[in-house]
Amino acid sequence: MDIETALTDVCDHQYPVAFDTVVEECDEGVVEFANGESMPLEDILDVVDDDPDAFRSEAELEKFVTSLLPEDAVGRKGYDDRGSAATESDATSF
């Protein structure tokens, strides 16, 4: 499951939630990476040296967990499947 699903399904808490609570109660989640590998949420959080006090929202927790993932876990760097924004040279003149 992706990070959002792992946090929502396994780590459904009222926010703010303490980092220690997340570590203790959300250890059953498994995050699947874009490259097909997976890692238990417990192992992802285990690399933290300087524990944050708490997370104010699920989005904040998700962003924190994402920042801990290995570089190749999130897919291709710089990839954008939404296309590029129009630039001046792309503008149509009437």
Protein backbone atom coordinates (compact mmCIF):
# COMPACT_ATOMS: atom_id res chain seq x y z
CA MET A 1 0.00 0.00 0.00
CA ASP A 2 1.14 3.55 -0.58
CA ILE A 3 2.13 5.86 2.28
CA GLU A 4 -1.25 7.56 2.49
CA THR A 5 -3.10 4.24 2.68
CA ALA A 6 -0.63 2.82 5.21
CA LEU A 7 -1.08 5.83 7.46
CA THR A 8 -4.87 6.00 7.05
CA ASP A 9 -5.60 2.28 7.46
CA VAL A 10 -3.06 1.38 10.11
CA CYS A 11 -2.38 4.68 11.83
CA ASP A 12 -5.79 6.31 12.16
CA HIS A 13 -5.37 8.81 15.00
CA GLN A 14 -6.71 12.12 16.16
CA TYR A 15 -4.23 14.91 15.48
CA PRO A 16 -1.99 16.17 16.86
CA VAL A 17 -0.37 12.80 17.54
CA ALA A 18 2.96 12.22 19.28
CA PHE A 19 5.81 10.63 17.32
CA ASP A 20 6.14 7.93 20.00
CA THR A 21 2.46 7.04 19.54
CA VAL A 22 2.96 6.65 15.80
CA VAL A 23 5.98 4.39 16.36
CA GLU A 24 4.18 2.25 18.94
CA GLU A 25 0.77 1.92 17.29
CA CYS A 26 1.44 2.09 13.55
CA ASP A 27 4.05 -0.63 13.27
CA GLU A 28 1.86 -2.96 11.18
CA GLY A 29 1.81 -0.74 8.09
CA VAL A 30 3.84 -1.69 5.03
CA VAL A 31 4.67 0.92 2.40
CA GLU A 32 5.08 -0.17 -1.23
CA PHE A 33 7.56 1.87 -3.23
CA ALA A 34 7.23 2.99 -6.84
CA ASN A 35 10.01 0.55 -7.79
CA GLY A 36 7.96 -2.43 -6.49
CA GLU A 37 9.86 -2.95 -3.24
CA SER A 38 8.23 -2.51 0.14
CA MET A 39 9.28 -1.69 3.69
CA PRO A 40 7.45 -1.88 7.02
CA LEU A 41 6.51 1.53 8.39
CA GLU A 42 8.30 0.54 11.59
CA ASP A 43 11.61 0.18 9.70
CA ILE A 44 11.09 3.52 7.94
CA LEU A 45 10.54 5.34 11.24
CA ASP A 46 13.44 3.49 12.88
CA VAL A 47 16.01 5.58 10.95
CA VAL A 48 15.00 8.79 12.75
CA ASP A 49 17.77 10.16 14.97
CA ASP A 50 16.06 13.33 16.18
CA ASP A 51 12.44 12.44 16.93
CA PRO A 52 9.89 15.17 16.28
CA ASP A 53 7.54 15.86 19.19
CA ALA A 54 4.24 15.50 17.34
CA PHE A 55 2.48 15.76 14.00
CA ARG A 56 -0.33 18.29 13.61
CA SER A 57 -2.02 16.51 10.70
CA GLU A 58 -1.96 13.37 8.60
CA ALA A 59 -0.47 15.41 5.76
CA GLU A 60 2.42 16.48 8.01
CA LEU A 61 3.04 12.87 9.05
CA GLU A 62 2.88 11.70 5.43
CA LYS A 63 5.38 14.36 4.35
CA PHE A 64 7.71 13.34 7.19
CA VAL A 65 7.54 9.63 6.29
CA THR A 66 8.10 10.44 2.61
CA SER A 67 11.24 12.38 3.54
CA LEU A 68 12.65 9.23 5.17
CA LEU A 69 12.23 6.97 2.15
CA PRO A 70 15.17 5.83 0.04
CA GLU A 71 15.73 7.98 -3.05
CA ASP A 72 14.57 5.31 -5.51
CA ALA A 73 11.37 4.60 -3.55
CA VAL A 74 9.35 7.50 -4.92
CA GLY A 75 9.90 7.00 -8.64
CA ARG A 76 11.79 8.92 -11.27
CA LYS A 77 13.30 12.24 -10.25
CA GLY A 78 11.72 15.21 -11.95
CA TYR A 79 9.01 13.13 -13.62
CA ASP A 80 5.78 15.00 -14.21
CA ASP A 81 2.86 13.18 -15.80
CA ARG A 82 0.75 16.34 -15.92
CA GLY A 83 2.62 17.88 -18.82
CA SER A 84 4.50 21.10 -18.77
CA ALA A 85 3.19 24.58 -18.25
CA ALA A 86 2.93 26.78 -21.32
CA THR A 87 5.85 29.09 -21.83
CA GLU A 88 6.03 32.29 -23.87
CA SER A 89 7.32 30.38 -26.89
CA ASP A 90 4.35 27.99 -26.63
CA ALA A 91 1.76 30.76 -26.61
CA THR A 92 -0.45 31.03 -29.65
CA SER A 93 -0.75 34.44 -31.24
CA PHE A 94 -3.98 35.56 -32.87
